[in-house]
């Protein structure tokens, strides 16, 4: 996949695939001591469970701007779920997973700031919650 030089063994490749499917790509890159590509920050949003997104939305990411951005977007998505404006599974399949693949293949995305990344994702939400306007 994207970190071939770090996962040349079968077990490394399996670990990488499992992390992607489970929404843990950013965490795996960090655990391997690699820079986290911008698309990997949306991996949790695209593949995580409702409980994982709720945990992310209430996380205290400290000064890590990427974690702050992901927690904010997760909070917006949770607000929409709570207001019955979006079904997580449908939104993940119909919007977030295809968007994740698009971002993975976009070389310019590697240069996005956390704010640009979050703004792009917020624009994909069907109806923004009041928290984004505050």
N, C-alpha and C. Protein backbone atom coordinates (compact mmCIF):
# COMPACT_ATOMS: atom_id res chain seq x y z
N UNK A 1 0.84 -1.18 0.00
CA UNK A 1 0.00 0.00 0.00
C UNK A 1 0.89 1.24 0.00
N UNK A 2 0.65 2.18 0.90
CA UNK A 2 1.37 3.45 0.82
C UNK A 2 2.69 3.45 1.56
N UNK A 3 2.92 2.51 2.44
CA UNK A 3 4.19 2.48 3.18
C UNK A 3 4.93 1.19 2.87
N UNK A 4 5.04 0.85 1.61
CA UNK A 4 5.61 -0.43 1.20
C UNK A 4 6.98 -0.69 1.81
N UNK A 5 7.80 0.33 1.86
CA UNK A 5 9.14 0.11 2.38
C UNK A 5 9.15 -0.24 3.86
N UNK A 6 8.05 0.03 4.55
CA UNK A 6 7.98 -0.27 5.98
C UNK A 6 7.16 -1.52 6.27
N UNK A 7 6.53 -2.07 5.26
CA UNK A 7 5.72 -3.25 5.50
C UNK A 7 6.02 -4.31 4.43
N UNK A 8 7.28 -4.69 4.33
CA UNK A 8 7.68 -5.65 3.31
C UNK A 8 7.31 -7.07 3.69
N UNK A 9 7.12 -7.32 4.96
CA UNK A 9 6.74 -8.67 5.37
C UNK A 9 5.23 -8.85 5.23
N UNK A 10 4.82 -10.10 5.17
CA UNK A 10 3.38 -10.40 5.07
C UNK A 10 2.65 -9.85 6.29
N UNK A 11 3.25 -9.99 7.47
CA UNK A 11 2.57 -9.51 8.67
C UNK A 11 2.46 -7.98 8.67
N UNK A 12 3.46 -7.30 8.12
CA UNK A 12 3.39 -5.84 8.01
C UNK A 12 2.30 -5.40 7.06
N UNK A 13 2.16 -6.11 5.96
CA UNK A 13 1.12 -5.79 4.99
C UNK A 13 -0.26 -6.04 5.60
N UNK A 14 -0.40 -7.13 6.33
CA UNK A 14 -1.68 -7.43 6.99
C UNK A 14 -1.99 -6.35 8.01
N UNK A 15 -1.01 -5.94 8.78
CA UNK A 15 -1.21 -4.88 9.78
C UNK A 15 -1.66 -3.59 9.11
N UNK A 16 -1.04 -3.26 7.98
CA UNK A 16 -1.38 -2.05 7.25
C UNK A 16 -2.81 -2.11 6.71
N UNK A 17 -3.19 -3.24 6.15
CA UNK A 17 -4.55 -3.42 5.62
C UNK A 17 -5.59 -3.36 6.74
N UNK A 18 -5.31 -4.03 7.84
CA UNK A 18 -6.24 -4.00 8.97
C UNK A 18 -6.42 -2.59 9.50
N UNK A 19 -5.32 -1.84 9.60
CA UNK A 19 -5.40 -0.47 10.08
C UNK A 19 -6.27 0.38 9.16
N UNK A 20 -6.10 0.20 7.86
CA UNK A 20 -6.90 0.97 6.90
C UNK A 20 -8.38 0.64 7.05
N UNK A 21 -8.72 -0.62 7.07
CA UNK A 21 -10.12 -1.04 7.17
C UNK A 21 -10.74 -0.62 8.50
N UNK A 22 -9.95 -0.60 9.55
CA UNK A 22 -10.44 -0.24 10.88
C UNK A 22 -10.43 1.26 11.14
N UNK A 23 -9.96 2.06 10.18
CA UNK A 23 -9.91 3.50 10.37
C UNK A 23 -8.74 3.97 11.21
N UNK A 24 -7.68 3.18 11.27
CA UNK A 24 -6.54 3.49 12.12
C UNK A 24 -5.26 3.78 11.34
N UNK A 25 -5.39 4.24 10.10
CA UNK A 25 -4.21 4.50 9.26
C UNK A 25 -3.31 5.58 9.86
N UNK A 26 -3.88 6.65 10.38
CA UNK A 26 -3.06 7.72 10.96
C UNK A 26 -2.32 7.21 12.20
N UNK A 27 -3.01 6.43 12.99
CA UNK A 27 -2.38 5.91 14.21
C UNK A 27 -1.24 4.94 13.87
N UNK A 28 -1.43 4.12 12.83
CA UNK A 28 -0.38 3.18 12.44
C UNK A 28 0.85 3.93 11.92
N UNK A 29 0.64 4.94 11.09
CA UNK A 29 1.77 5.71 10.59
C UNK A 29 2.54 6.32 11.75
N UNK A 30 1.82 6.87 12.72
CA UNK A 30 2.47 7.44 13.90
C UNK A 30 3.23 6.39 14.69
N UNK A 31 2.64 5.22 14.85
CA UNK A 31 3.29 4.14 15.60
C UNK A 31 4.55 3.67 14.88
N UNK A 32 4.55 3.74 13.55
CA UNK A 32 5.72 3.36 12.78
C UNK A 32 6.72 4.50 12.67
N UNK A 33 6.41 5.65 13.26
CA UNK A 33 7.32 6.79 13.23
C UNK A 33 7.38 7.48 11.87
N UNK A 34 6.31 7.36 11.10
CA UNK A 34 6.26 7.97 9.77
C UNK A 34 5.39 9.21 9.78
N UNK A 35 5.64 10.12 8.85
CA UNK A 35 4.72 11.26 8.73
C UNK A 35 3.35 10.74 8.29
N UNK A 36 2.31 11.35 8.81
CA UNK A 36 0.95 10.92 8.49
C UNK A 36 0.45 11.73 7.30
N UNK A 37 0.13 11.05 6.20
CA UNK A 37 -0.40 11.79 5.05
C UNK A 37 -1.78 12.34 5.37
N UNK A 38 -2.15 13.45 4.74
CA UNK A 38 -3.42 14.11 5.02
C UNK A 38 -4.62 13.20 4.88
N UNK A 39 -4.62 12.33 3.85
CA UNK A 39 -5.76 11.45 3.66
C UNK A 39 -5.95 10.53 4.85
N UNK A 40 -4.87 10.14 5.52
CA UNK A 40 -4.98 9.18 6.62
C UNK A 40 -5.77 9.74 7.80
N UNK A 41 -5.81 11.08 7.92
CA UNK A 41 -6.58 11.67 9.01
C UNK A 41 -8.07 11.49 8.80
N UNK A 42 -8.51 11.30 7.57
CA UNK A 42 -9.93 11.07 7.34
C UNK A 42 -10.29 9.60 7.41
N UNK A 43 -9.30 8.73 7.54
CA UNK A 43 -9.54 7.29 7.56
C UNK A 43 -10.46 6.89 8.71
N UNK A 44 -10.28 7.45 9.88
CA UNK A 44 -11.16 7.14 11.02
C UNK A 44 -12.58 7.58 10.72
N UNK A 45 -12.74 8.75 10.11
CA UNK A 45 -14.08 9.24 9.80
C UNK A 45 -14.76 8.34 8.78
N UNK A 46 -14.00 7.84 7.81
CA UNK A 46 -14.56 7.03 6.74
C UNK A 46 -14.83 5.59 7.14
N UNK A 47 -14.14 5.09 8.17
CA UNK A 47 -14.25 3.67 8.50
C UNK A 47 -14.55 3.39 9.97
N UNK A 48 -14.53 4.42 10.79
CA UNK A 48 -14.73 4.21 12.23
C UNK A 48 -16.19 3.92 12.58
N UNK A 49 -16.37 3.39 13.76
CA UNK A 49 -17.71 3.13 14.27
C UNK A 49 -18.28 4.40 14.88
N UNK A 50 -19.57 4.37 15.16
CA UNK A 50 -20.19 5.54 15.79
C UNK A 50 -19.54 5.83 17.14
N UNK A 51 -19.25 4.80 17.92
CA UNK A 51 -18.59 5.01 19.21
C UNK A 51 -17.20 5.63 19.04
N UNK A 52 -16.46 5.18 18.04
CA UNK A 52 -15.13 5.74 17.80
C UNK A 52 -15.22 7.21 17.40
N UNK A 53 -16.21 7.55 16.59
CA UNK A 53 -16.37 8.95 16.19
C UNK A 53 -16.79 9.81 17.38
N UNK A 54 -17.65 9.28 18.22
CA UNK A 54 -18.04 10.02 19.43
C UNK A 54 -16.84 10.23 20.34
N UNK A 55 -16.02 9.21 20.49
CA UNK A 55 -14.80 9.36 21.30
C UNK A 55 -13.87 10.40 20.70
N UNK A 56 -13.73 10.37 19.38
CA UNK A 56 -12.86 11.34 18.70
C UNK A 56 -13.39 12.75 18.88
N UNK A 57 -14.71 12.90 18.79
CA UNK A 57 -15.32 14.23 18.91
C UNK A 57 -15.10 14.85 20.28
N UNK A 58 -14.94 14.03 21.29
CA UNK A 58 -14.75 14.54 22.65
C UNK A 58 -13.29 14.42 23.10
N UNK A 59 -12.42 14.03 22.19
CA UNK A 59 -11.00 13.90 22.52
C UNK A 59 -10.40 15.26 22.82
N UNK A 60 -9.36 15.25 23.58
CA UNK A 60 -8.60 16.47 23.89
C UNK A 60 -7.25 16.33 23.21
N UNK A 61 -7.15 16.77 21.94
CA UNK A 61 -5.96 16.50 21.14
C UNK A 61 -4.74 17.34 21.47
N UNK A 62 -4.83 18.20 22.46
CA UNK A 62 -3.67 19.02 22.80
C UNK A 62 -3.33 19.98 21.67
N UNK A 63 -2.04 20.11 21.38
CA UNK A 63 -1.60 21.09 20.39
C UNK A 63 -1.44 20.51 18.99
N UNK A 64 -1.75 19.24 18.80
CA UNK A 64 -1.62 18.62 17.49
C UNK A 64 -2.73 19.12 16.58
N UNK A 65 -2.38 19.94 15.61
CA UNK A 65 -3.39 20.59 14.75
C UNK A 65 -4.17 19.58 13.92
N UNK A 66 -3.53 18.50 13.47
CA UNK A 66 -4.25 17.48 12.71
C UNK A 66 -5.28 16.78 13.58
N UNK A 67 -4.90 16.46 14.80
CA UNK A 67 -5.86 15.80 15.70
C UNK A 67 -7.00 16.75 16.07
N UNK A 68 -6.68 18.03 16.24
CA UNK A 68 -7.72 19.02 16.51
C UNK A 68 -8.71 19.09 15.36
N UNK A 69 -8.19 19.12 14.14
CA UNK A 69 -9.05 19.21 12.96
C UNK A 69 -9.93 17.96 12.85
N UNK A 70 -9.34 16.79 13.07
CA UNK A 70 -10.13 15.56 12.97
C UNK A 70 -11.19 15.50 14.06
N UNK A 71 -10.86 15.92 15.26
CA UNK A 71 -11.84 15.92 16.36
C UNK A 71 -12.98 16.88 16.05
N UNK A 72 -12.67 18.03 15.46
CA UNK A 72 -13.72 19.00 15.13
C UNK A 72 -14.66 18.44 14.07
N UNK A 73 -14.11 17.87 13.00
CA UNK A 73 -14.95 17.30 11.94
C UNK A 73 -15.77 16.14 12.49
N UNK A 74 -15.16 15.32 13.34
CA UNK A 74 -15.91 14.22 13.97
C UNK A 74 -17.08 14.77 14.78
N UNK A 75 -16.85 15.86 15.49
CA UNK A 75 -17.91 16.48 16.27
C UNK A 75 -19.05 16.97 15.40
N UNK A 76 -18.73 17.54 14.26
CA UNK A 76 -19.76 18.00 13.33
C UNK A 76 -20.57 16.81 12.82
N UNK A 77 -19.89 15.72 12.52
CA UNK A 77 -20.57 14.53 12.02
C UNK A 77 -21.47 13.93 13.11
N UNK A 78 -20.99 13.89 14.34
CA UNK A 78 -21.79 13.40 15.47
C UNK A 78 -23.03 14.27 15.66
N UNK A 79 -22.86 15.60 15.56
CA UNK A 79 -24.01 16.50 15.68
C UNK A 79 -25.07 16.17 14.64
N UNK A 80 -24.64 15.91 13.41
CA UNK A 80 -25.58 15.57 12.35
C UNK A 80 -26.26 14.23 12.60
N UNK A 81 -25.51 13.28 13.13
CA UNK A 81 -26.11 11.97 13.46
C UNK A 81 -27.14 12.14 14.56
N UNK A 82 -26.79 12.92 15.58
CA UNK A 82 -27.70 13.12 16.71
C UNK A 82 -28.98 13.84 16.30
N UNK A 83 -28.89 14.69 15.29
CA UNK A 83 -30.06 15.42 14.80
C UNK A 83 -30.81 14.62 13.73
N UNK A 84 -30.41 13.37 13.54
CA UNK A 84 -31.01 12.50 12.52
C UNK A 84 -30.95 13.10 11.12
N UNK A 85 -29.89 13.83 10.84
CA UNK A 85 -29.72 14.40 9.50
C UNK A 85 -28.85 13.53 8.62
N UNK A 86 -28.15 12.57 9.23
CA UNK A 86 -27.26 11.70 8.46
C UNK A 86 -27.16 10.34 9.15
N UNK A 87 -27.16 9.31 8.34
CA UNK A 87 -26.86 7.95 8.80
C UNK A 87 -25.37 7.74 8.60
N UNK A 88 -24.66 7.38 9.65
CA UNK A 88 -23.21 7.25 9.56
C UNK A 88 -22.82 6.26 8.47
N UNK A 89 -23.40 5.07 8.49
CA UNK A 89 -23.01 4.04 7.52
C UNK A 89 -23.26 4.51 6.09
N UNK A 90 -24.39 5.12 5.84
CA UNK A 90 -24.70 5.60 4.49
C UNK A 90 -23.76 6.73 4.08
N UNK A 91 -23.47 7.64 5.01
CA UNK A 91 -22.58 8.76 4.71
C UNK A 91 -21.16 8.27 4.47
N UNK A 92 -20.73 7.30 5.24
CA UNK A 92 -19.39 6.74 5.03
C UNK A 92 -19.30 6.09 3.66
N UNK A 93 -20.26 5.23 3.32
CA UNK A 93 -20.23 4.54 2.02
C UNK A 93 -20.42 5.49 0.85
N UNK A 94 -21.34 6.42 0.97
CA UNK A 94 -21.68 7.27 -0.16
C UNK A 94 -20.80 8.48 -0.35
N UNK A 95 -20.19 8.96 0.73
CA UNK A 95 -19.41 10.21 0.64
C UNK A 95 -17.97 10.04 1.13
N UNK A 96 -17.80 9.63 2.37
CA UNK A 96 -16.46 9.65 2.97
C UNK A 96 -15.49 8.65 2.35
N UNK A 97 -15.94 7.42 2.09
CA UNK A 97 -15.02 6.44 1.49
C UNK A 97 -14.59 6.85 0.08
N UNK A 98 -15.53 7.26 -0.79
CA UNK A 98 -15.08 7.73 -2.11
C UNK A 98 -14.20 8.98 -2.02
N UNK A 99 -14.53 9.88 -1.11
CA UNK A 99 -13.72 11.08 -0.93
C UNK A 99 -12.32 10.73 -0.44
N UNK A 100 -12.24 9.78 0.47
CA UNK A 100 -10.94 9.33 0.97
C UNK A 100 -10.08 8.81 -0.18
N UNK A 101 -10.66 8.02 -1.06
CA UNK A 101 -9.91 7.50 -2.21
C UNK A 101 -9.48 8.63 -3.15
N UNK A 102 -10.35 9.61 -3.35
CA UNK A 102 -9.98 10.77 -4.18
C UNK A 102 -8.81 11.53 -3.57
N UNK A 103 -8.87 11.75 -2.27
CA UNK A 103 -7.81 12.49 -1.59
C UNK A 103 -6.50 11.70 -1.62
N UNK A 104 -6.59 10.38 -1.50
CA UNK A 104 -5.38 9.55 -1.56
C UNK A 104 -4.65 9.72 -2.89
N UNK A 105 -5.40 9.91 -3.96
CA UNK A 105 -4.79 10.00 -5.28
C UNK A 105 -4.47 11.43 -5.70
N UNK A 106 -4.78 12.40 -4.86
CA UNK A 106 -4.54 13.81 -5.17
C UNK A 106 -3.20 14.25 -4.58
N UNK A 107 -2.23 14.46 -5.43
CA UNK A 107 -0.89 14.86 -4.95
C UNK A 107 -0.93 16.19 -4.20
N UNK A 108 -1.80 17.11 -4.62
CA UNK A 108 -1.90 18.42 -3.97
C UNK A 108 -2.37 18.29 -2.53
N UNK A 109 -3.10 17.22 -2.22
CA UNK A 109 -3.61 17.02 -0.87
C UNK A 109 -2.48 16.88 0.15
N UNK A 110 -1.32 16.45 -0.31
CA UNK A 110 -0.17 16.31 0.61
C UNK A 110 0.28 17.66 1.15
N UNK A 111 -0.12 18.75 0.50
CA UNK A 111 0.28 20.09 0.91
C UNK A 111 -0.78 20.80 1.73
N UNK A 112 -1.95 20.19 1.91
CA UNK A 112 -3.03 20.83 2.65
C UNK A 112 -2.66 21.01 4.11
N UNK A 113 -3.11 22.11 4.67
CA UNK A 113 -2.98 22.33 6.11
C UNK A 113 -4.15 21.63 6.79
N UNK A 114 -4.08 21.41 8.09
CA UNK A 114 -5.22 20.82 8.79
C UNK A 114 -6.50 21.63 8.59
N UNK A 115 -6.39 22.96 8.55
CA UNK A 115 -7.57 23.80 8.34
C UNK A 115 -8.16 23.62 6.96
N UNK A 116 -7.31 23.53 5.94
CA UNK A 116 -7.81 23.30 4.58
C UNK A 116 -8.48 21.94 4.48
N UNK A 117 -7.88 20.95 5.08
CA UNK A 117 -8.43 19.60 5.10
C UNK A 117 -9.80 19.59 5.76
N UNK A 118 -9.90 20.21 6.95
CA UNK A 118 -11.17 20.24 7.68
C UNK A 118 -12.23 21.00 6.89
N UNK A 119 -11.86 22.12 6.29
CA UNK A 119 -12.82 22.90 5.51
C UNK A 119 -13.37 22.09 4.34
N UNK A 120 -12.50 21.33 3.69
CA UNK A 120 -12.95 20.48 2.59
C UNK A 120 -13.93 19.42 3.05
N UNK A 121 -13.65 18.81 4.18
CA UNK A 121 -14.55 17.78 4.70
C UNK A 121 -15.86 18.39 5.18
N UNK A 122 -15.79 19.54 5.83
CA UNK A 122 -17.02 20.18 6.29
C UNK A 122 -17.91 20.54 5.12
N UNK A 123 -17.30 20.88 3.99
CA UNK A 123 -18.08 21.17 2.80
C UNK A 123 -18.80 19.95 2.25
N UNK A 124 -18.34 18.76 2.61
CA UNK A 124 -18.97 17.53 2.13
C UNK A 124 -20.16 17.12 3.01
N UNK A 125 -20.28 17.73 4.18
CA UNK A 125 -21.39 17.37 5.07
C UNK A 125 -22.70 17.87 4.47
N UNK A 126 -23.76 17.07 4.58
CA UNK A 126 -25.02 17.44 3.93
C UNK A 126 -25.66 18.69 4.50
N UNK A 127 -25.52 18.91 5.78
CA UNK A 127 -26.11 20.09 6.42
C UNK A 127 -25.30 20.33 7.67
N UNK A 128 -24.64 21.44 7.73
CA UNK A 128 -23.75 21.72 8.85
C UNK A 128 -24.55 21.99 10.11
N UNK A 129 -23.98 21.58 11.22
CA UNK A 129 -24.63 21.82 12.51
C UNK A 129 -24.31 23.22 13.02
N UNK A 130 -24.92 23.59 14.09
CA UNK A 130 -24.74 24.95 14.62
C UNK A 130 -23.34 25.14 15.18
N UNK A 131 -22.66 24.08 15.57
CA UNK A 131 -21.34 24.21 16.16
C UNK A 131 -20.36 24.84 15.17
N UNK A 132 -20.49 24.54 13.88
CA UNK A 132 -19.58 25.08 12.88
C UNK A 132 -19.75 26.57 12.71
N UNK A 133 -20.92 27.09 13.01
CA UNK A 133 -21.18 28.52 12.85
C UNK A 133 -20.72 29.32 14.05
N UNK A 134 -20.38 28.66 15.13
CA UNK A 134 -19.99 29.37 16.35
C UNK A 134 -18.55 29.79 16.31
